[in-house]
Amino acid sequence: EFLIFSKYRKADYNIRLSEKRLVEAEKLYLSAKDYDNAAKSLEMARTKRQKVLGFISEVEESGQNTTDLKNTLRSSLEKQKLVLLNIISQVPQDLKNEVNKDLASVETLLSGLK
């Protein structure tokens, strides 16, 4: 991220990183049953999504068009929502709260983009 100078590209990069961390969490929850590291991956995905919003704000302040970037984020969030719903349907009951927190975060971001 330090070698990316454009805020627009940093936002796009963090969208991809949030997707990767979510896929990692899914694998850890469902295949490896490594729930501690899965929760850490979910937190990292959530952090990356929040960074994207900051970068989008900075891009808008500089006068650049963010329509494509917002569409990319919206599409990514829709996919992430589906992955989270899949995880929720398969994890033990005591772990659903953590995943539901991430799902709520995604839904909040989606509602803010509309």
Protein backbone atom coordinates (compact mmCIF):
# COMPACT_ATOMS: atom_id res chain seq x y z
CA GLU A 1 0.00 0.00 0.00
CA PHE A 2 2.92 2.33 0.65
CA LEU A 3 4.01 2.01 -2.97
CA ILE A 4 0.61 3.02 -4.30
CA PHE A 5 0.43 6.79 -4.55
CA SER A 6 -3.07 7.30 -5.94
CA LYS A 7 -5.86 7.35 -3.35
CA TYR A 8 -8.16 5.92 -6.01
CA ARG A 9 -5.88 2.92 -6.48
CA LYS A 10 -5.42 2.55 -2.73
CA ALA A 11 -9.18 2.30 -2.34
CA ASP A 12 -9.37 -0.34 -5.06
CA TYR A 13 -6.46 -2.24 -3.50
CA ASN A 14 -8.15 -2.28 -0.10
CA ILE A 15 -11.38 -3.58 -1.65
CA ARG A 16 -9.39 -6.54 -2.98
CA LEU A 17 -7.66 -7.06 0.37
CA SER A 18 -10.99 -7.10 2.20
CA GLU A 19 -12.19 -9.79 -0.21
CA LYS A 20 -9.05 -11.86 0.35
CA ARG A 21 -9.30 -11.60 4.14
CA LEU A 22 -12.93 -12.72 3.97
CA VAL A 23 -12.08 -15.73 1.82
CA GLU A 24 -9.32 -16.53 4.28
CA ALA A 25 -11.79 -16.31 7.18
CA GLU A 26 -14.24 -18.57 5.36
CA LYS A 27 -11.56 -21.19 4.83
CA LEU A 28 -10.45 -20.97 8.46
CA TYR A 29 -14.00 -21.20 9.80
CA LEU A 30 -15.28 -23.95 7.57
CA SER A 31 -12.28 -26.08 6.60
CA ALA A 32 -9.57 -25.64 9.21
CA LYS A 33 -11.91 -24.98 12.16
CA ASP A 34 -9.37 -22.38 13.32
CA TYR A 35 -11.89 -20.02 14.85
CA ASP A 36 -9.45 -17.62 16.55
CA ASN A 37 -7.56 -16.84 13.35
CA ALA A 38 -10.82 -16.74 11.39
CA ALA A 39 -12.10 -14.02 13.71
CA LYS A 40 -8.85 -12.09 13.21
CA SER A 41 -9.26 -12.35 9.43
CA LEU A 42 -12.81 -11.03 9.70
CA GLU A 43 -11.54 -8.08 11.71
CA MET A 44 -8.86 -7.36 9.10
CA ALA A 45 -11.50 -7.48 6.34
CA ARG A 46 -13.65 -5.03 8.31
CA THR A 47 -10.65 -2.71 8.79
CA LYS A 48 -9.85 -2.77 5.06
CA ARG A 49 -13.47 -1.93 4.19
CA GLN A 50 -13.33 1.08 6.52
CA LYS A 51 -10.07 2.23 4.90
CA VAL A 52 -11.81 2.14 1.52
CA LEU A 53 -14.39 4.65 2.74
CA GLY A 54 -11.66 6.99 3.87
CA PHE A 55 -9.89 6.79 0.54
CA ILE A 56 -13.15 7.34 -1.35
CA SER A 57 -13.76 10.51 0.69
CA GLU A 58 -10.27 11.76 -0.12
CA VAL A 59 -10.75 11.03 -3.82
CA GLU A 60 -14.07 12.91 -3.80
CA GLU A 61 -12.46 15.87 -2.02
CA SER A 62 -9.84 16.05 -4.75
CA GLY A 63 -12.62 16.41 -7.32
CA GLN A 64 -12.25 13.01 -8.99
CA ASN A 65 -15.22 10.95 -10.08
CA THR A 66 -15.80 7.99 -7.74
CA THR A 67 -18.73 6.34 -9.50
CA ASP A 68 -16.71 3.39 -10.81
CA LEU A 69 -14.98 2.94 -7.47
CA LYS A 70 -18.29 2.98 -5.59
CA ASN A 71 -19.75 0.48 -8.05
CA THR A 72 -16.75 -1.79 -7.51
CA LEU A 73 -17.18 -1.50 -3.74
CA ARG A 74 -20.93 -2.15 -3.97
CA SER A 75 -20.36 -5.26 -6.08
CA SER A 76 -17.68 -6.49 -3.69
CA LEU A 77 -19.89 -5.92 -0.65
CA GLU A 78 -22.75 -7.84 -2.23
CA LYS A 79 -20.42 -10.80 -2.81
CA GLN A 80 -18.98 -10.51 0.69
CA LYS A 81 -22.48 -10.52 2.12
CA LEU A 82 -23.20 -13.83 0.38
CA VAL A 83 -19.98 -15.34 1.75
CA LEU A 84 -20.85 -14.18 5.26
CA LEU A 85 -24.34 -15.68 5.01
CA ASN A 86 -22.75 -18.95 3.94
CA ILE A 87 -20.39 -18.87 6.91
CA ILE A 88 -23.25 -18.11 9.31
CA SER A 89 -25.20 -21.08 8.01
CA GLN A 90 -22.31 -23.46 8.77
CA VAL A 91 -20.55 -22.28 11.94
CA PRO A 92 -21.50 -23.41 15.45
CA GLN A 93 -24.09 -21.25 17.23
CA ASP A 94 -21.58 -19.66 19.61
CA LEU A 95 -19.57 -18.24 16.69
CA LYS A 96 -22.48 -16.74 14.77
CA ASN A 97 -22.39 -13.51 16.79
CA GLU A 98 -18.92 -12.58 15.51
CA VAL A 99 -19.88 -13.28 11.90
CA ASN A 100 -23.18 -11.44 12.32
CA LYS A 101 -21.23 -8.37 13.47
CA ASP A 102 -19.29 -8.44 10.21
CA LEU A 103 -22.48 -8.96 8.22
CA ALA A 104 -24.02 -5.92 9.92
CA SER A 105 -20.93 -3.91 8.99
CA VAL A 106 -21.28 -4.91 5.34
CA GLU A 107 -25.00 -4.10 5.31
CA THR A 108 -24.32 -0.69 6.87
CA LEU A 109 -21.74 0.10 4.19
CA LEU A 110 -24.12 -1.06 1.45
CA SER A 111 -26.94 1.13 2.73
CA GLY A 112 -24.56 4.09 2.81
CA LEU A 113 -23.67 3.60 -0.86
CA LYS A 114 -27.23 3.72 -2.16
